[in-house]
Amino acid sequence: MQIGEVAARTELSLRTIRHYEETGLVTPSARSRGGFRLYTEADVARLMVVRRMKPLGFSLDEMRDLLEAVDRLDDEGTAAGERDELLERVRAYERSATEQVAKLRVQLARAEEFALTLRTRLDRNGPPKA
């Protein structure tokens, strides 16, 4: 698929997808004869990993490191000892993601509380103006 379809499916801008290519996070699997980037389902899956990591505060280097670890885990030729190290790296990212999700839940609860406080104040002071 071309970059426009990938952008629609991932809800990432064309510019962001190109930036991720420039930084080596996701490389299109091929190019058309006309030079257009062509992506596979695996490329889209990689972009989704990156998209999900970004709001959790992971850096581009961390994203790259996780993707590399997952790629090497998927390689059946990876030695058992190396697999253990890779699994521990992925576990560390999972722990970090879980911690960030908990922090975001607290922030969301505070934001909802604030919005409710404002709504209550507005409701107390009369109907909304048209």
C-alpha atoms as a PDB file:
ATOM      1  CA  MET A   1       0.000   0.000   0.000  1.00  0.00           C
ATOM      2  CA  GLN A   2       1.093   3.569  -0.557  1.00  0.00           C
ATOM      3  CA  ILE A   3       1.878   6.104   2.154  1.00  0.00           C
ATOM      4  CA  GLY A   4      -1.536   7.794   1.965  1.00  0.00           C
ATOM      5  CA  GLU A   5      -3.356   4.583   2.829  1.00  0.00           C
ATOM      6  CA  VAL A   6      -0.845   3.874   5.605  1.00  0.00           C
ATOM      7  CA  ALA A   7      -1.415   7.363   7.003  1.00  0.00           C
ATOM      8  CA  ALA A   8      -5.171   6.819   7.023  1.00  0.00           C
ATOM      9  CA  ARG A   9      -4.877   3.411   8.689  1.00  0.00           C
ATOM     10  CA  THR A  10      -2.398   4.518  11.344  1.00  0.00           C
ATOM     11  CA  GLU A  11      -3.800   8.024  11.874  1.00  0.00           C
ATOM     12  CA  LEU A  12      -0.275   9.393  11.427  1.00  0.00           C
ATOM     13  CA  SER A  13       0.526  12.269   9.107  1.00  0.00           C
ATOM     14  CA  LEU A  14       2.548  11.752   5.934  1.00  0.00           C
ATOM     15  CA  ARG A  15       5.223  13.971   7.449  1.00  0.00           C
ATOM     16  CA  THR A  16       5.407  11.823  10.604  1.00  0.00           C
ATOM     17  CA  ILE A  17       5.680   8.607   8.594  1.00  0.00           C
ATOM     18  CA  ARG A  18       8.465  10.129   6.496  1.00  0.00           C
ATOM     19  CA  HIS A  19      10.211  11.298   9.681  1.00  0.00           C
ATOM     20  CA  TYR A  20      10.066   7.772  11.096  1.00  0.00           C
ATOM     21  CA  GLU A  21      11.606   6.546   7.864  1.00  0.00           C
ATOM     22  CA  GLU A  22      14.394   9.144   8.071  1.00  0.00           C
ATOM     23  CA  THR A  23      15.166   8.107  11.661  1.00  0.00           C
ATOM     24  CA  GLY A  24      15.226   4.426  10.726  1.00  0.00           C
ATOM     25  CA  LEU A  25      12.205   3.336  12.750  1.00  0.00           C
ATOM     26  CA  VAL A  26      10.145   2.108   9.816  1.00  0.00           C
ATOM     27  CA  THR A  27      11.386   1.641   6.300  1.00  0.00           C
ATOM     28  CA  PRO A  28       8.993   1.003   3.412  1.00  0.00           C
ATOM     29  CA  SER A  29       9.349  -2.555   2.177  1.00  0.00           C
ATOM     30  CA  ALA A  30       9.605  -1.462  -1.448  1.00  0.00           C
ATOM     31  CA  ARG A  31       9.304   1.359  -3.934  1.00  0.00           C
ATOM     32  CA  SER A  32       7.116   1.440  -7.006  1.00  0.00           C
ATOM     33  CA  ARG A  33       8.571   2.031 -10.461  1.00  0.00           C
ATOM     34  CA  GLY A  34       7.531   5.645 -10.031  1.00  0.00           C
ATOM     35  CA  GLY A  35       9.456   5.881  -6.742  1.00  0.00           C
ATOM     36  CA  PHE A  36       6.440   5.786  -4.423  1.00  0.00           C
ATOM     37  CA  ARG A  37       6.943   4.208  -1.015  1.00  0.00           C
ATOM     38  CA  LEU A  38       5.194   0.849  -0.671  1.00  0.00           C
ATOM     39  CA  TYR A  39       4.310  -0.588   2.724  1.00  0.00           C
ATOM     40  CA  THR A  40       3.272  -4.045   3.904  1.00  0.00           C
ATOM     41  CA  GLU A  41       1.054  -5.082   6.797  1.00  0.00           C
ATOM     42  CA  ALA A  42       4.245  -5.660   8.818  1.00  0.00           C
ATOM     43  CA  ASP A  43       5.308  -2.062   8.151  1.00  0.00           C
ATOM     44  CA  VAL A  44       1.916  -0.826   9.340  1.00  0.00           C
ATOM     45  CA  ALA A  45       2.238  -2.980  12.479  1.00  0.00           C
ATOM     46  CA  ARG A  46       5.631  -1.373  13.220  1.00  0.00           C
ATOM     47  CA  LEU A  47       4.140   2.092  12.790  1.00  0.00           C
ATOM     48  CA  MET A  48       1.354   1.166  15.200  1.00  0.00           C
ATOM     49  CA  VAL A  49       3.933   0.131  17.812  1.00  0.00           C
ATOM     50  CA  VAL A  50       5.623   3.511  17.419  1.00  0.00           C
ATOM     51  CA  ARG A  51       2.284   5.346  17.535  1.00  0.00           C
ATOM     52  CA  ARG A  52       1.378   3.568  20.768  1.00  0.00           C
ATOM     53  CA  MET A  53       4.752   4.250  22.390  1.00  0.00           C
ATOM     54  CA  LYS A  54       4.818   7.977  21.632  1.00  0.00           C
ATOM     55  CA  PRO A  55       2.106   9.141  24.079  1.00  0.00           C
ATOM     56  CA  LEU A  56       3.823   7.118  26.803  1.00  0.00           C
ATOM     57  CA  GLY A  57       6.908   9.291  26.484  1.00  0.00           C
ATOM     58  CA  PHE A  58       9.284   6.801  24.871  1.00  0.00           C
ATOM     59  CA  SER A  59      12.135   8.364  22.902  1.00  0.00           C
ATOM     60  CA  LEU A  60      12.918   7.507  19.280  1.00  0.00           C
ATOM     61  CA  ASP A  61      15.979   5.574  20.502  1.00  0.00           C
ATOM     62  CA  GLU A  62      13.814   3.551  22.883  1.00  0.00           C
ATOM     63  CA  MET A  63      11.316   2.851  20.116  1.00  0.00           C
ATOM     64  CA  ARG A  64      14.138   1.723  17.841  1.00  0.00           C
ATOM     65  CA  ASP A  65      15.580  -0.479  20.611  1.00  0.00           C
ATOM     66  CA  LEU A  66      12.239  -2.178  21.280  1.00  0.00           C
ATOM     67  CA  LEU A  67      11.573  -2.767  17.581  1.00  0.00           C
ATOM     68  CA  GLU A  68      15.047  -4.259  17.192  1.00  0.00           C
ATOM     69  CA  ALA A  69      14.515  -6.546  20.191  1.00  0.00           C
ATOM     70  CA  VAL A  70      11.154  -7.725  18.853  1.00  0.00           C
ATOM     71  CA  ASP A  71      12.624  -8.297  15.377  1.00  0.00           C
ATOM     72  CA  ARG A  72      15.423 -10.398  16.833  1.00  0.00           C
ATOM     73  CA  LEU A  73      12.980 -12.369  18.977  1.00  0.00           C
ATOM     74  CA  ASP A  74      10.970 -13.152  15.846  1.00  0.00           C
ATOM     75  CA  ASP A  75      14.128 -14.479  14.165  1.00  0.00           C
ATOM     76  CA  GLU A  76      14.158 -18.215  14.784  1.00  0.00           C
ATOM     77  CA  GLY A  77      17.935 -18.254  14.436  1.00  0.00           C
ATOM     78  CA  THR A  78      18.418 -16.219  17.625  1.00  0.00           C
ATOM     79  CA  ALA A  79      20.366 -18.187  20.248  1.00  0.00           C
ATOM     80  CA  ALA A  80      18.650 -19.122  23.522  1.00  0.00           C
ATOM     81  CA  GLY A  81      20.919 -16.930  25.675  1.00  0.00           C
ATOM     82  CA  GLU A  82      20.331 -13.935  23.460  1.00  0.00           C
ATOM     83  CA  ARG A  83      16.579 -14.634  23.503  1.00  0.00           C
ATOM     84  CA  ASP A  84      16.604 -14.397  27.305  1.00  0.00           C
ATOM     85  CA  GLU A  85      18.324 -10.996  27.136  1.00  0.00           C
ATOM     86  CA  LEU A  86      15.882  -9.792  24.489  1.00  0.00           C
ATOM     87  CA  LEU A  87      12.900 -10.957  26.509  1.00  0.00           C
ATOM     88  CA  GLU A  88      14.195  -9.042  29.524  1.00  0.00           C
ATOM     89  CA  ARG A  89      14.513  -5.894  27.395  1.00  0.00           C
ATOM     90  CA  VAL A  90      10.921  -6.279  26.228  1.00  0.00           C
ATOM     91  CA  ARG A  91       9.792  -6.905  29.824  1.00  0.00           C
ATOM     92  CA  ALA A  92      11.500  -3.662  30.884  1.00  0.00           C
ATOM     93  CA  TYR A  93       9.563  -1.768  28.212  1.00  0.00           C
ATOM     94  CA  GLU A  94       6.345  -3.436  29.333  1.00  0.00           C
ATOM     95  CA  ARG A  95       6.990  -2.372  32.943  1.00  0.00           C
ATOM     96  CA  SER A  96       7.764   1.179  31.847  1.00  0.00           C
ATOM     97  CA  ALA A  97       4.631   1.321  29.695  1.00  0.00           C
ATOM     98  CA  THR A  98       2.511   0.060  32.600  1.00  0.00           C
ATOM     99  CA  GLU A  99       3.962   2.744  34.884  1.00  0.00           C
ATOM    100  CA  GLN A 100       3.262   5.463  32.315  1.00  0.00           C
ATOM    101  CA  VAL A 101      -0.319   4.248  31.839  1.00  0.00           C
ATOM    102  CA  ALA A 102      -0.882   4.496  35.599  1.00  0.00           C
ATOM    103  CA  LYS A 103       0.469   8.073  35.612  1.00  0.00           C
ATOM    104  CA  LEU A 104      -1.751   9.000  32.678  1.00  0.00           C
ATOM    105  CA  ARG A 105      -4.799   7.570  34.470  1.00  0.00           C
ATOM    106  CA  VAL A 106      -4.093   9.850  37.431  1.00  0.00           C
ATOM    107  CA  GLN A 107      -3.702  12.855  35.112  1.00  0.00           C
ATOM    108  CA  LEU A 108      -6.949  11.978  33.319  1.00  0.00           C
ATOM    109  CA  ALA A 109      -8.827  11.642  36.608  1.00  0.00           C
ATOM    110  CA  ARG A 110      -7.564  15.069  37.681  1.00  0.00           C
ATOM    111  CA  ALA A 111      -8.531  16.598  34.344  1.00  0.00           C
ATOM    112  CA  GLU A 112     -12.032  15.092  34.528  1.00  0.00           C
ATOM    113  CA  GLU A 113     -12.378  16.370  38.086  1.00  0.00           C
ATOM    114  CA  PHE A 114     -11.373  19.859  36.945  1.00  0.00           C
ATOM    115  CA  ALA A 115     -13.831  19.810  34.031  1.00  0.00           C
ATOM    116  CA  LEU A 116     -16.613  18.691  36.386  1.00  0.00           C
ATOM    117  CA  THR A 117     -15.749  21.519  38.795  1.00  0.00           C
ATOM    118  CA  LEU A 118     -16.079  24.035  35.983  1.00  0.00           C
ATOM    119  CA  ARG A 119     -19.343  22.494  34.768  1.00  0.00           C
ATOM    120  CA  THR A 120     -20.765  22.589  38.306  1.00  0.00           C
ATOM    121  CA  ARG A 121     -19.800  26.251  38.687  1.00  0.00           C
ATOM    122  CA  LEU A 122     -21.414  27.106  35.357  1.00  0.00           C
ATOM    123  CA  ASP A 123     -24.586  25.188  36.198  1.00  0.00           C
ATOM    124  CA  ARG A 124     -24.862  27.040  39.534  1.00  0.00           C
ATOM    125  CA  ASN A 125     -24.671  30.403  37.826  1.00  0.00           C
ATOM    126  CA  GLY A 126     -27.498  29.985  35.371  1.00  0.00           C
ATOM    127  CA  PRO A 127     -28.210  28.574  31.924  1.00  0.00           C
ATOM    128  CA  PRO A 128     -25.598  28.780  29.187  1.00  0.00           C
ATOM    129  CA  LYS A 129     -25.681  31.833  26.923  1.00  0.00           C
ATOM    130  CA  ALA A 130     -26.811  31.236  23.365  1.00  0.00           C
END
